[in-house]
Amino acid sequence: DFVWETAEGCVVVDYKTTKANRDALLNK
């Protein structure tokens, strides 16, 4: 989805679409 290339290296960001809350995202 998104790769931000900096002088130090790359940052990878993947976008996810959900209306779930933070607790649900962190619940196995």
mmCIF file of all heavy atoms, coordinates in Angstrom:
data_MODEL
# 
_entry.id   MODEL 
# 
loop_
_atom_site.group_PDB 
_atom_site.id 
_atom_site.type_symbol 
_atom_site.label_atom_id 
_atom_site.label_alt_id 
_atom_site.label_comp_id 
_atom_site.label_asym_id 
_atom_site.label_entity_id 
_atom_site.label_seq_id 
_atom_site.pdbx_PDB_ins_code 
_atom_site.Cartn_x 
_atom_site.Cartn_y 
_atom_site.Cartn_z 
_atom_site.occupancy 
_atom_site.B_iso_or_equiv 
_atom_site.pdbx_formal_charge 
_atom_site.auth_seq_id 
_atom_site.auth_comp_id 
_atom_site.auth_asym_id 
_atom_site.auth_atom_id 
_atom_site.pdbx_PDB_model_num 
ATOM 1   N N   . ASP A 1 1  ? 0.821   -1.208  0.000  1.00 0.00 ? 1  ASP A N   1 
ATOM 2   C CA  . ASP A 1 1  ? 0.000   0.000   0.000  1.00 0.00 ? 1  ASP A CA  1 
ATOM 3   C C   . ASP A 1 1  ? 0.856   1.260   0.000  1.00 0.00 ? 1  ASP A C   1 
ATOM 4   O O   . ASP A 1 1  ? 0.615   2.184   -0.763 1.00 0.00 ? 1  ASP A O   1 
ATOM 5   C CB  . ASP A 1 1  ? -0.943  0.025   1.213  1.00 0.00 ? 1  ASP A CB  1 
ATOM 6   C CG  . ASP A 1 1  ? -2.049  -1.003  1.095  1.00 0.00 ? 1  ASP A CG  1 
ATOM 7   O OD1 . ASP A 1 1  ? -2.401  -1.395  -0.031 1.00 0.00 ? 1  ASP A OD1 1 
ATOM 8   O OD2 . ASP A 1 1  ? -2.567  -1.421  2.145  1.00 0.00 ? 1  ASP A OD2 1 
ATOM 9   N N   . PHE A 1 2  ? 1.865   1.286   0.873  1.00 0.00 ? 2  PHE A N   1 
ATOM 10  C CA  . PHE A 1 2  ? 2.683   2.485   0.993  1.00 0.00 ? 2  PHE A CA  1 
ATOM 11  C C   . PHE A 1 2  ? 4.072   2.110   1.493  1.00 0.00 ? 2  PHE A C   1 
ATOM 12  O O   . PHE A 1 2  ? 4.202   1.379   2.471  1.00 0.00 ? 2  PHE A O   1 
ATOM 13  C CB  . PHE A 1 2  ? 2.026   3.463   1.980  1.00 0.00 ? 2  PHE A CB  1 
ATOM 14  C CG  . PHE A 1 2  ? 2.766   4.753   2.155  1.00 0.00 ? 2  PHE A CG  1 
ATOM 15  C CD1 . PHE A 1 2  ? 2.740   5.733   1.171  1.00 0.00 ? 2  PHE A CD1 1 
ATOM 16  C CD2 . PHE A 1 2  ? 3.496   4.992   3.305  1.00 0.00 ? 2  PHE A CD2 1 
ATOM 17  C CE1 . PHE A 1 2  ? 3.419   6.931   1.339  1.00 0.00 ? 2  PHE A CE1 1 
ATOM 18  C CE2 . PHE A 1 2  ? 4.175   6.183   3.483  1.00 0.00 ? 2  PHE A CE2 1 
ATOM 19  C CZ  . PHE A 1 2  ? 4.140   7.157   2.501  1.00 0.00 ? 2  PHE A CZ  1 
ATOM 20  N N   . VAL A 1 3  ? 5.085   2.586   0.794  1.00 0.00 ? 3  VAL A N   1 
ATOM 21  C CA  . VAL A 1 3  ? 6.465   2.418   1.232  1.00 0.00 ? 3  VAL A CA  1 
ATOM 22  C C   . VAL A 1 3  ? 7.094   3.798   1.257  1.00 0.00 ? 3  VAL A C   1 
ATOM 23  O O   . VAL A 1 3  ? 7.150   4.485   0.232  1.00 0.00 ? 3  VAL A O   1 
ATOM 24  C CB  . VAL A 1 3  ? 7.271   1.489   0.297  1.00 0.00 ? 3  VAL A CB  1 
ATOM 25  C CG1 . VAL A 1 3  ? 8.720   1.396   0.762  1.00 0.00 ? 3  VAL A CG1 1 
ATOM 26  C CG2 . VAL A 1 3  ? 6.642   0.114   0.234  1.00 0.00 ? 3  VAL A CG2 1 
ATOM 27  N N   . TRP A 1 4  ? 7.528   4.202   2.428  1.00 0.00 ? 4  TRP A N   1 
ATOM 28  C CA  . TRP A 1 4  ? 8.177   5.502   2.600  1.00 0.00 ? 4  TRP A CA  1 
ATOM 29  C C   . TRP A 1 4  ? 9.670   5.250   2.665  1.00 0.00 ? 4  TRP A C   1 
ATOM 30  O O   . TRP A 1 4  ? 10.162  4.638   3.604  1.00 0.00 ? 4  TRP A O   1 
ATOM 31  C CB  . TRP A 1 4  ? 7.669   6.163   3.873  1.00 0.00 ? 4  TRP A CB  1 
ATOM 32  C CG  . TRP A 1 4  ? 8.293   7.477   4.206  1.00 0.00 ? 4  TRP A CG  1 
ATOM 33  C CD1 . TRP A 1 4  ? 8.900   8.360   3.369  1.00 0.00 ? 4  TRP A CD1 1 
ATOM 34  C CD2 . TRP A 1 4  ? 8.354   8.062   5.507  1.00 0.00 ? 4  TRP A CD2 1 
ATOM 35  N NE1 . TRP A 1 4  ? 9.329   9.460   4.060  1.00 0.00 ? 4  TRP A NE1 1 
ATOM 36  C CE2 . TRP A 1 4  ? 9.008   9.305   5.381  1.00 0.00 ? 4  TRP A CE2 1 
ATOM 37  C CE3 . TRP A 1 4  ? 7.917   7.657   6.763  1.00 0.00 ? 4  TRP A CE3 1 
ATOM 38  C CZ2 . TRP A 1 4  ? 9.241   10.136  6.459  1.00 0.00 ? 4  TRP A CZ2 1 
ATOM 39  C CZ3 . TRP A 1 4  ? 8.145   8.494   7.842  1.00 0.00 ? 4  TRP A CZ3 1 
ATOM 40  C CH2 . TRP A 1 4  ? 8.789   9.718   7.685  1.00 0.00 ? 4  TRP A CH2 1 
ATOM 41  N N   . GLU A 1 5  ? 10.386  5.702   1.642  1.00 0.00 ? 5  GLU A N   1 
ATOM 42  C CA  . GLU A 1 5  ? 11.821  5.479   1.593  1.00 0.00 ? 5  GLU A CA  1 
ATOM 43  C C   . GLU A 1 5  ? 12.539  6.699   2.163  1.00 0.00 ? 5  GLU A C   1 
ATOM 44  O O   . GLU A 1 5  ? 12.400  7.806   1.641  1.00 0.00 ? 5  GLU A O   1 
ATOM 45  C CB  . GLU A 1 5  ? 12.275  5.200   0.164  1.00 0.00 ? 5  GLU A CB  1 
ATOM 46  C CG  . GLU A 1 5  ? 13.685  4.680   0.091  1.00 0.00 ? 5  GLU A CG  1 
ATOM 47  C CD  . GLU A 1 5  ? 14.050  4.066   -1.252 1.00 0.00 ? 5  GLU A CD  1 
ATOM 48  O OE1 . GLU A 1 5  ? 13.186  4.040   -2.148 1.00 0.00 ? 5  GLU A OE1 1 
ATOM 49  O OE2 . GLU A 1 5  ? 15.185  3.611   -1.389 1.00 0.00 ? 5  GLU A OE2 1 
ATOM 50  N N   . THR A 1 6  ? 13.289  6.489   3.232  1.00 0.00 ? 6  THR A N   1 
ATOM 51  C CA  . THR A 1 6  ? 14.041  7.551   3.883  1.00 0.00 ? 6  THR A CA  1 
ATOM 52  C C   . THR A 1 6  ? 15.534  7.294   3.686  1.00 0.00 ? 6  THR A C   1 
ATOM 53  O O   . THR A 1 6  ? 15.928  6.249   3.164  1.00 0.00 ? 6  THR A O   1 
ATOM 54  C CB  . THR A 1 6  ? 13.738  7.610   5.397  1.00 0.00 ? 6  THR A CB  1 
ATOM 55  O OG1 . THR A 1 6  ? 14.362  6.480   6.033  1.00 0.00 ? 6  THR A OG1 1 
ATOM 56  C CG2 . THR A 1 6  ? 12.242  7.596   5.681  1.00 0.00 ? 6  THR A CG2 1 
ATOM 57  N N   . ALA A 1 7  ? 16.344  8.221   4.146  1.00 0.00 ? 7  ALA A N   1 
ATOM 58  C CA  . ALA A 1 7  ? 17.795  8.042   4.059  1.00 0.00 ? 7  ALA A CA  1 
ATOM 59  C C   . ALA A 1 7  ? 18.251  6.841   4.890  1.00 0.00 ? 7  ALA A C   1 
ATOM 60  O O   . ALA A 1 7  ? 19.251  6.198   4.579  1.00 0.00 ? 7  ALA A O   1 
ATOM 61  C CB  . ALA A 1 7  ? 18.505  9.310   4.523  1.00 0.00 ? 7  ALA A CB  1 
ATOM 62  N N   . GLU A 1 8  ? 17.508  6.505   5.953  1.00 0.00 ? 8  GLU A N   1 
ATOM 63  C CA  . GLU A 1 8  ? 17.877  5.390   6.840  1.00 0.00 ? 8  GLU A CA  1 
ATOM 64  C C   . GLU A 1 8  ? 17.350  4.049   6.358  1.00 0.00 ? 8  GLU A C   1 
ATOM 65  O O   . GLU A 1 8  ? 17.844  2.995   6.752  1.00 0.00 ? 8  GLU A O   1 
ATOM 66  C CB  . GLU A 1 8  ? 17.368  5.649   8.267  1.00 0.00 ? 8  GLU A CB  1 
ATOM 67  C CG  . GLU A 1 8  ? 18.049  6.800   8.978  1.00 0.00 ? 8  GLU A CG  1 
ATOM 68  C CD  . GLU A 1 8  ? 17.467  8.162   8.575  1.00 0.00 ? 8  GLU A CD  1 
ATOM 69  O OE1 . GLU A 1 8  ? 16.274  8.223   8.208  1.00 0.00 ? 8  GLU A OE1 1 
ATOM 70  O OE2 . GLU A 1 8  ? 18.218  9.136   8.598  1.00 0.00 ? 8  GLU A OE2 1 
ATOM 71  N N   . GLY A 1 9  ? 16.311  4.053   5.558  1.00 0.00 ? 9  GLY A N   1 
ATOM 72  C CA  . GLY A 1 9  ? 15.696  2.821   5.094  1.00 0.00 ? 9  GLY A CA  1 
ATOM 73  C C   . GLY A 1 9  ? 14.221  3.030   4.788  1.00 0.00 ? 9  GLY A C   1 
ATOM 74  O O   . GLY A 1 9  ? 13.733  4.152   4.776  1.00 0.00 ? 9  GLY A O   1 
ATOM 75  N N   . CYS A 1 10 ? 13.510  1.937   4.564  1.00 0.00 ? 10 CYS A N   1 
ATOM 76  C CA  . CYS A 1 10 ? 12.100  1.988   4.174  1.00 0.00 ? 10 CYS A CA  1 
ATOM 77  C C   . CYS A 1 10 ? 11.167  1.704   5.350  1.00 0.00 ? 10 CYS A C   1 
ATOM 78  O O   . CYS A 1 10 ? 11.457  0.873   6.206  1.00 0.00 ? 10 CYS A O   1 
ATOM 79  C CB  . CYS A 1 10 ? 11.822  0.957   3.086  1.00 0.00 ? 10 CYS A CB  1 
ATOM 80  S SG  . CYS A 1 10 ? 12.684  1.273   1.546  1.00 0.00 ? 10 CYS A SG  1 
ATOM 81  N N   . VAL A 1 11 ? 10.039  2.385   5.324  1.00 0.00 ? 11 VAL A N   1 
ATOM 82  C CA  . VAL A 1 11 ? 8.949   2.131   6.258  1.00 0.00 ? 11 VAL A CA  1 
ATOM 83  C C   . VAL A 1 11 ? 7.775   1.612   5.433  1.00 0.00 ? 11 VAL A C   1 
ATOM 84  O O   . VAL A 1 11 ? 7.349   2.263   4.473  1.00 0.00 ? 11 VAL A O   1 
ATOM 85  C CB  . VAL A 1 11 ? 8.541   3.416   7.011  1.00 0.00 ? 11 VAL A CB  1 
ATOM 86  C CG1 . VAL A 1 11 ? 7.361   3.148   7.924  1.00 0.00 ? 11 VAL A CG1 1 
ATOM 87  C CG2 . VAL A 1 11 ? 9.727   3.986   7.787  1.00 0.00 ? 11 VAL A CG2 1 
ATOM 88  N N   . VAL A 1 12 ? 7.279   0.434   5.788  1.00 0.00 ? 12 VAL A N   1 
ATOM 89  C CA  . VAL A 1 12 ? 6.163   -0.199  5.087  1.00 0.00 ? 12 VAL A CA  1 
ATOM 90  C C   . VAL A 1 12 ? 4.887   0.053   5.881  1.00 0.00 ? 12 VAL A C   1 
ATOM 91  O O   . VAL A 1 12 ? 4.839   -0.203  7.090  1.00 0.00 ? 12 VAL A O   1 
ATOM 92  C CB  . VAL A 1 12 ? 6.390   -1.721  4.949  1.00 0.00 ? 12 VAL A CB  1 
ATOM 93  C CG1 . VAL A 1 12 ? 5.212   -2.387  4.262  1.00 0.00 ? 12 VAL A CG1 1 
ATOM 94  C CG2 . VAL A 1 12 ? 7.686   -2.004  4.205  1.00 0.00 ? 12 VAL A CG2 1 
ATOM 95  N N   . VAL A 1 13 ? 3.862   0.556   5.202  1.00 0.00 ? 13 VAL A N   1 
ATOM 96  C CA  . VAL A 1 13 ? 2.565   0.793   5.841  1.00 0.00 ? 13 VAL A CA  1 
ATOM 97  C C   . VAL A 1 13 ? 1.492   0.092   5.014  1.00 0.00 ? 13 VAL A C   1 
ATOM 98  O O   . VAL A 1 13 ? 1.372   0.335   3.813  1.00 0.00 ? 13 VAL A O   1 
ATOM 99  C CB  . VAL A 1 13 ? 2.232   2.298   5.941  1.00 0.00 ? 13 VAL A CB  1 
ATOM 100 C CG1 . VAL A 1 13 ? 0.886   2.510   6.635  1.00 0.00 ? 13 VAL A CG1 1 
ATOM 101 C CG2 . VAL A 1 13 ? 3.341   3.058   6.656  1.00 0.00 ? 13 VAL A CG2 1 
ATOM 102 N N   . ASP A 1 14 ? 0.736   -0.794  5.655  1.00 0.00 ? 14 ASP A N   1 
ATOM 103 C CA  . ASP A 1 14 ? -0.368  -1.472  4.991  1.00 0.00 ? 14 ASP A CA  1 
ATOM 104 C C   . ASP A 1 14 ? -1.668  -0.958  5.592  1.00 0.00 ? 14 ASP A C   1 
ATOM 105 O O   . ASP A 1 14 ? -1.813  -0.905  6.811  1.00 0.00 ? 14 ASP A O   1 
ATOM 106 C CB  . ASP A 1 14 ? -0.258  -2.992  5.159  1.00 0.00 ? 14 ASP A CB  1 
ATOM 107 C CG  . ASP A 1 14 ? -1.167  -3.712  4.198  1.00 0.00 ? 14 ASP A CG  1 
ATOM 108 O OD1 . ASP A 1 14 ? -0.950  -3.570  2.979  1.00 0.00 ? 14 ASP A OD1 1 
ATOM 109 O OD2 . ASP A 1 14 ? -2.096  -4.391  4.654  1.00 0.00 ? 14 ASP A OD2 1 
ATOM 110 N N   . TYR A 1 15 ? -2.600  -0.564  4.734  1.00 0.00 ? 15 TYR A N   1 
ATOM 111 C CA  . TYR A 1 15 ? -3.876  -0.023  5.181  1.00 0.00 ? 15 TYR A CA  1 
ATOM 112 C C   . TYR A 1 15 ? -4.899  -1.140  5.340  1.00 0.00 ? 15 TYR A C   1 
ATOM 113 O O   . TYR A 1 15 ? -4.987  -2.024  4.494  1.00 0.00 ? 15 TYR A O   1 
ATOM 114 C CB  . TYR A 1 15 ? -4.416  0.989   4.166  1.00 0.00 ? 15 TYR A CB  1 
ATOM 115 C CG  . TYR A 1 15 ? -3.522  2.174   3.957  1.00 0.00 ? 15 TYR A CG  1 
ATOM 116 C CD1 . TYR A 1 15 ? -2.552  2.173   2.968  1.00 0.00 ? 15 TYR A CD1 1 
ATOM 117 C CD2 . TYR A 1 15 ? -3.639  3.298   4.758  1.00 0.00 ? 15 TYR A CD2 1 
ATOM 118 C CE1 . TYR A 1 15 ? -1.723  3.266   2.769  1.00 0.00 ? 15 TYR A CE1 1 
ATOM 119 C CE2 . TYR A 1 15 ? -2.812  4.390   4.575  1.00 0.00 ? 15 TYR A CE2 1 
ATOM 120 C CZ  . TYR A 1 15 ? -1.863  4.372   3.575  1.00 0.00 ? 15 TYR A CZ  1 
ATOM 121 O OH  . TYR A 1 15 ? -1.045  5.448   3.391  1.00 0.00 ? 15 TYR A OH  1 
ATOM 122 N N   . LYS A 1 16 ? -5.673  -1.073  6.402  1.00 0.00 ? 16 LYS A N   1 
ATOM 123 C CA  . LYS A 1 16 ? -6.747  -2.039  6.649  1.00 0.00 ? 16 LYS A CA  1 
ATOM 124 C C   . LYS A 1 16 ? -8.026  -1.265  6.931  1.00 0.00 ? 16 LYS A C   1 
ATOM 125 O O   . LYS A 1 16 ? -8.012  -0.247  7.627  1.00 0.00 ? 16 LYS A O   1 
ATOM 126 C CB  . LYS A 1 16 ? -6.427  -2.929  7.858  1.00 0.00 ? 16 LYS A CB  1 
ATOM 127 C CG  . LYS A 1 16 ? -5.150  -3.743  7.701  1.00 0.00 ? 16 LYS A CG  1 
ATOM 128 C CD  . LYS A 1 16 ? -5.272  -4.733  6.563  1.00 0.00 ? 16 LYS A CD  1 
ATOM 129 C CE  . LYS A 1 16 ? -3.998  -5.539  6.393  1.00 0.00 ? 16 LYS A CE  1 
ATOM 130 N NZ  . LYS A 1 16 ? -3.972  -6.265  5.136  1.00 0.00 ? 16 LYS A NZ  1 
ATOM 131 N N   . THR A 1 17 ? -9.132  -1.741  6.392  1.00 0.00 ? 17 THR A N   1 
ATOM 132 C CA  . THR A 1 17 ? -10.405 -1.070  6.621  1.00 0.00 ? 17 THR A CA  1 
ATOM 133 C C   . THR A 1 17 ? -11.289 -1.942  7.491  1.00 0.00 ? 17 THR A C   1 
ATOM 134 O O   . THR A 1 17 ? -11.633 -3.070  7.126  1.00 0.00 ? 17 THR A O   1 
ATOM 135 C CB  . THR A 1 17 ? -11.129 -0.766  5.296  1.00 0.00 ? 17 THR A CB  1 
ATOM 136 O OG1 . THR A 1 17 ? -11.248 -1.970  4.546  1.00 0.00 ? 17 THR A OG1 1 
ATOM 137 C CG2 . THR A 1 17 ? -10.346 0.247   4.468  1.00 0.00 ? 17 THR A CG2 1 
ATOM 138 N N   . THR A 1 18 ? -11.612 -1.429  8.641  1.00 0.00 ? 18 THR A N   1 
ATOM 139 C CA  . THR A 1 18 ? -12.533 -2.078  9.565  1.00 0.00 ? 18 THR A CA  1 
ATOM 140 C C   . THR A 1 18 ? -13.048 -1.013  10.521 1.00 0.00 ? 18 THR A C   1 
ATOM 141 O O   . THR A 1 18 ? -12.390 -0.010  10.754 1.00 0.00 ? 18 THR A O   1 
ATOM 142 C CB  . THR A 1 18 ? -11.854 -3.215  10.353 1.00 0.00 ? 18 THR A CB  1 
ATOM 143 O OG1 . THR A 1 18 ? -12.830 -3.829  11.208 1.00 0.00 ? 18 THR A OG1 1 
ATOM 144 C CG2 . THR A 1 18 ? -10.698 -2.729  11.189 1.00 0.00 ? 18 THR A CG2 1 
ATOM 145 N N   . LYS A 1 19 ? -14.218 -1.256  11.051 1.00 0.00 ? 19 LYS A N   1 
ATOM 146 C CA  . LYS A 1 19 ? -14.763 -0.359  12.069 1.00 0.00 ? 19 LYS A CA  1 
ATOM 147 C C   . LYS A 1 19 ? -14.550 -0.935  13.467 1.00 0.00 ? 19 LYS A C   1 
ATOM 148 O O   . LYS A 1 19 ? -15.041 -0.401  14.439 1.00 0.00 ? 19 LYS A O   1 
ATOM 149 C CB  . LYS A 1 19 ? -16.247 -0.120  11.809 1.00 0.00 ? 19 LYS A CB  1 
ATOM 150 C CG  . LYS A 1 19 ? -16.498 0.665   10.543 1.00 0.00 ? 19 LYS A CG  1 
ATOM 151 C CD  . LYS A 1 19 ? -17.973 0.921   10.342 1.00 0.00 ? 19 LYS A CD  1 
ATOM 152 C CE  . LYS A 1 19 ? -18.188 1.669   9.044  1.00 0.00 ? 19 LYS A CE  1 
ATOM 153 N NZ  . LYS A 1 19 ? -19.602 1.919   8.795  1.00 0.00 ? 19 LYS A NZ  1 
ATOM 154 N N   . ALA A 1 20 ? -13.781 -2.024  13.535 1.00 0.00 ? 20 ALA A N   1 
ATOM 155 C CA  . ALA A 1 20 ? -13.512 -2.661  14.834 1.00 0.00 ? 20 ALA A CA  1 
ATOM 156 C C   . ALA A 1 20 ? -12.738 -1.704  15.730 1.00 0.00 ? 20 ALA A C   1 
ATOM 157 O O   . ALA A 1 20 ? -11.957 -0.878  15.258 1.00 0.00 ? 20 ALA A O   1 
ATOM 158 C CB  . ALA A 1 20 ? -12.715 -3.938  14.630 1.00 0.00 ? 20 ALA A CB  1 
ATOM 159 N N   . ASN A 1 21 ? -12.948 -1.831  17.021 1.00 0.00 ? 21 ASN A N   1 
ATOM 160 C CA  . ASN A 1 21 ? -12.236 -0.956  17.959 1.00 0.00 ? 21 ASN A CA  1 
ATOM 161 C C   . ASN A 1 21 ? -10.859 -1.509  18.284 1.00 0.00 ? 21 ASN A C   1 
ATOM 162 O O   . ASN A 1 21 ? -10.507 -2.629  17.920 1.00 0.00 ? 21 ASN A O   1 
ATOM 163 C CB  . ASN A 1 21 ? -13.064 -0.721  19.228 1.00 0.00 ? 21 ASN A CB  1 
ATOM 164 C CG  . ASN A 1 21 ? -13.303 -1.986  20.020 1.00 0.00 ? 21 ASN A CG  1 
ATOM 165 O OD1 . ASN A 1 21 ? -12.489 -2.905  20.014 1.00 0.00 ? 21 ASN A OD1 1 
ATOM 166 N ND2 . ASN A 1 21 ? -14.429 -2.049  20.691 1.00 0.00 ? 21 ASN A ND2 1 
ATOM 167 N N   . ARG A 1 22 ? -10.077 -0.705  18.982 1.00 0.00 ? 22 ARG A N   1 
ATOM 168 C CA  . ARG A 1 22 ? -8.701  -1.046  19.319 1.00 0.00 ? 22 ARG A CA  1 
ATOM 169 C C   . ARG A 1 22 ? -8.620  -2.375  20.068 1.00 0.00 ? 22 ARG A C   1 
ATOM 170 O O   . ARG A 1 22 ? -7.748  -3.198  19.809 1.00 0.00 ? 22 ARG A O   1 
ATOM 171 C CB  . ARG A 1 22 ? -8.097  0.089   20.156 1.00 0.00 ? 22 ARG A CB  1 
ATOM 172 C CG  . ARG A 1 22 ? -6.660  -0.128  20.538 1.00 0.00 ? 22 ARG A CG  1 
ATOM 173 C CD  . ARG A 1 22 ? -6.166  1.047   21.392 1.00 0.00 ? 22 ARG A CD  1 
ATOM 174 N NE  . ARG A 1 22 ? -4.791  0.887   21.773 1.00 0.00 ? 22 ARG A NE  1 
ATOM 175 C CZ  . ARG A 1 22 ? -4.377  0.201   22.826 1.00 0.00 ? 22 ARG A CZ  1 
ATOM 176 N NH1 . ARG A 1 22 ? -5.234  -0.402  23.610 1.00 0.00 ? 22 ARG A NH1 1 
ATOM 177 N NH2 . ARG A 1 22 ? -3.093  0.100   23.103 1.00 0.00 ? 22 ARG A NH2 1 
ATOM 178 N N   . ASP A 1 23 ? -9.514  -2.591  21.009 1.00 0.00 ? 23 ASP A N   1 
ATOM 179 C CA  . ASP A 1 23 ? -9.493  -3.831  21.787 1.00 0.00 ? 23 ASP A CA  1 
ATOM 180 C C   . ASP A 1 23 ? -9.669  -5.056  20.892 1.00 0.00 ? 23 ASP A C   1 
ATOM 181 O O   . ASP A 1 23 ? -8.992  -6.069  21.069 1.00 0.00 ? 23 ASP A O   1 
ATOM 182 C CB  . ASP A 1 23 ? -10.565 -3.805  22.875 1.00 0.00 ? 23 ASP A CB  1 
ATOM 183 C CG  . ASP A 1 23 ? -10.261 -2.796  23.969 1.00 0.00 ? 23 ASP A CG  1 
ATOM 184 O OD1 . ASP A 1 23 ? -9.077  -2.436  24.158 1.00 0.00 ? 23 ASP A OD1 1 
ATOM 185 O OD2 . ASP A 1 23 ? -11.214 -2.342  24.631 1.00 0.00 ? 23 ASP A OD2 1 
ATOM 186 N N   . ALA A 1 24 ? -10.566 -4.970  19.918 1.00 0.00 ? 24 ALA A N   1 
ATOM 187 C CA  . ALA A 1 24 ? -10.786 -6.093  19.005 1.00 0.00 ? 24 ALA A CA  1 
ATOM 188 C C   . ALA A 1 24 ? -9.559  -6.333  18.142 1.00 0.00 ? 24 ALA A C   1 
ATOM 189 O O   . ALA A 1 24 ? -9.188  -7.478  17.882 1.00 0.00 ? 24 ALA A O   1 
ATOM 190 C CB  . ALA A 1 24 ? -12.003 -5.822  18.126 1.00 0.00 ? 24 ALA A CB  1 
ATOM 191 N N   . LEU A 1 25 ? -8.900  -5.264  17.709 1.00 0.00 ? 25 LEU A N   1 
ATOM 192 C CA  . LEU A 1 25 ? -7.708  -5.399  16.875 1.00 0.00 ? 25 LEU A CA  1 
ATOM 193 C C   . LEU A 1 25 ? -6.579  -6.110  17.613 1.00 0.00 ? 25 LEU A C   1 
ATOM 194 O O   . LEU A 1 25 ? -5.778  -6.813  17.000 1.00 0.00 ? 25 LEU A O   1 
ATOM 195 C CB  . LEU A 1 25 ? -7.218  -4.026  16.411 1.00 0.00 ? 25 LEU A CB  1 
ATOM 196 C CG  . LEU A 1 25 ? -8.164  -3.248  15.496 1.00 0.00 ? 25 LEU A CG  1 
ATOM 197 C CD1 . LEU A 1 25 ? -7.610  -1.853  15.250 1.00 0.00 ? 25 LEU A CD1 1 
ATOM 198 C CD2 . LEU A 1 25 ? -8.392  -3.983  14.194 1.00 0.00 ? 25 LEU A CD2 1 
ATOM 199 N N   . LEU A 1 26 ? -6.510  -5.940  18.913 1.00 0.00 ? 26 LEU A N   1 
ATOM 200 C CA  . LEU A 1 26 ? -5.435  -6.518  19.710 1.00 0.00 ? 26 LEU A CA  1 
ATOM 201 C C   . LEU A 1 26 ? -5.810  -7.841  20.374 1.00 0.00 ? 26 LEU A C   1 
ATOM 202 O O   . LEU A 1 26 ? -4.991  -8.442  21.059 1.00 0.00 ? 26 LEU A O   1 
ATOM 203 C CB  . LEU A 1 26 ? -4.973  -5.506  20.766 1.00 0.00 ? 26 LEU A CB  1 
ATOM 204 C CG  . LEU A 1 26 ? -4.431  -4.192  20.201 1.00 0.00 ? 26 LEU A CG  1 
ATOM 205 C CD1 . LEU A 1 26 ? -4.078  -3.227  21.322 1.00 0.00 ? 26 LEU A CD1 1 
ATOM 206 C CD2 . LEU A 1 26 ? -3.246  -4.418  19.288 1.00 0.00 ? 26 LEU A CD2 1 
ATOM 207 N N   . ASN A 1 27 ? -7.024  -8.312  20.140 1.00 0.00 ? 27 ASN A N   1 
ATOM 208 C CA  . ASN A 1 27 ? -7.515  -9.545  20.746 1.00 0.00 ? 27 ASN A CA  1 
ATOM 209 C C   . ASN A 1 27 ? -7.299  -10.717 19.786 1.00 0.00 ? 27 ASN A C   1 
ATOM 210 O O   . ASN A 1 27 ? -7.891  -10.775 18.708 1.00 0.00 ? 27 ASN A O   1 
ATOM 211 C CB  . ASN A 1 27 ? -9.002  -9.392  21.084 1.00 0.00 ? 27 ASN A CB  1 
ATOM 212 C CG  . ASN A 1 27 ? -9.564  -10.598 21.780 1.00 0.00 ? 27 ASN A CG  1 
ATOM 213 O OD1 . ASN A 1 27 ? -9.068  -11.707 21.654 1.00 0.00 ? 27 ASN A OD1 1 
ATOM 214 N ND2 . ASN A 1 27 ? -10.629 -10.382 22.523 1.00 0.00 ? 27 ASN A ND2 1 
ATOM 215 N N   . LYS A 1 28 ? -6.474  -11.681 20.200 1.00 0.00 ? 28 LYS A N   1 
ATOM 216 C CA  . LYS A 1 28 ? -6.159  -12.831 19.351 1.00 0.00 ? 28 LYS A CA  1 
ATOM 217 C C   . LYS A 1 28 ? -7.385  -13.649 18.965 1.00 0.00 ? 28 LYS A C   1 
ATOM 218 O O   . LYS A 1 28 ? -7.353  -14.381 17.987 1.00 0.00 ? 28 LYS A O   1 
ATOM 219 C CB  . LYS A 1 28 ? -5.148  -13.750 20.048 1.00 0.00 ? 28 LYS A CB  1 
ATOM 220 C CG  . LYS A 1 28 ? -3.777  -13.174 20.146 1.00 0.00 ? 28 LYS A CG  1 
ATOM 221 C CD  . LYS A 1 28 ? -2.825  -14.148 20.806 1.00 0.00 ? 28 LYS A CD  1 
ATOM 222 C CE  . LYS A 1 28 ? -1.438  -13.551 20.940 1.00 0.00 ? 28 LYS A CE  1 
ATOM 223 N NZ  . LYS A 1 28 ? -0.508  -14.486 21.565 1.00 0.00 ? 28 LYS A NZ  1 
# 
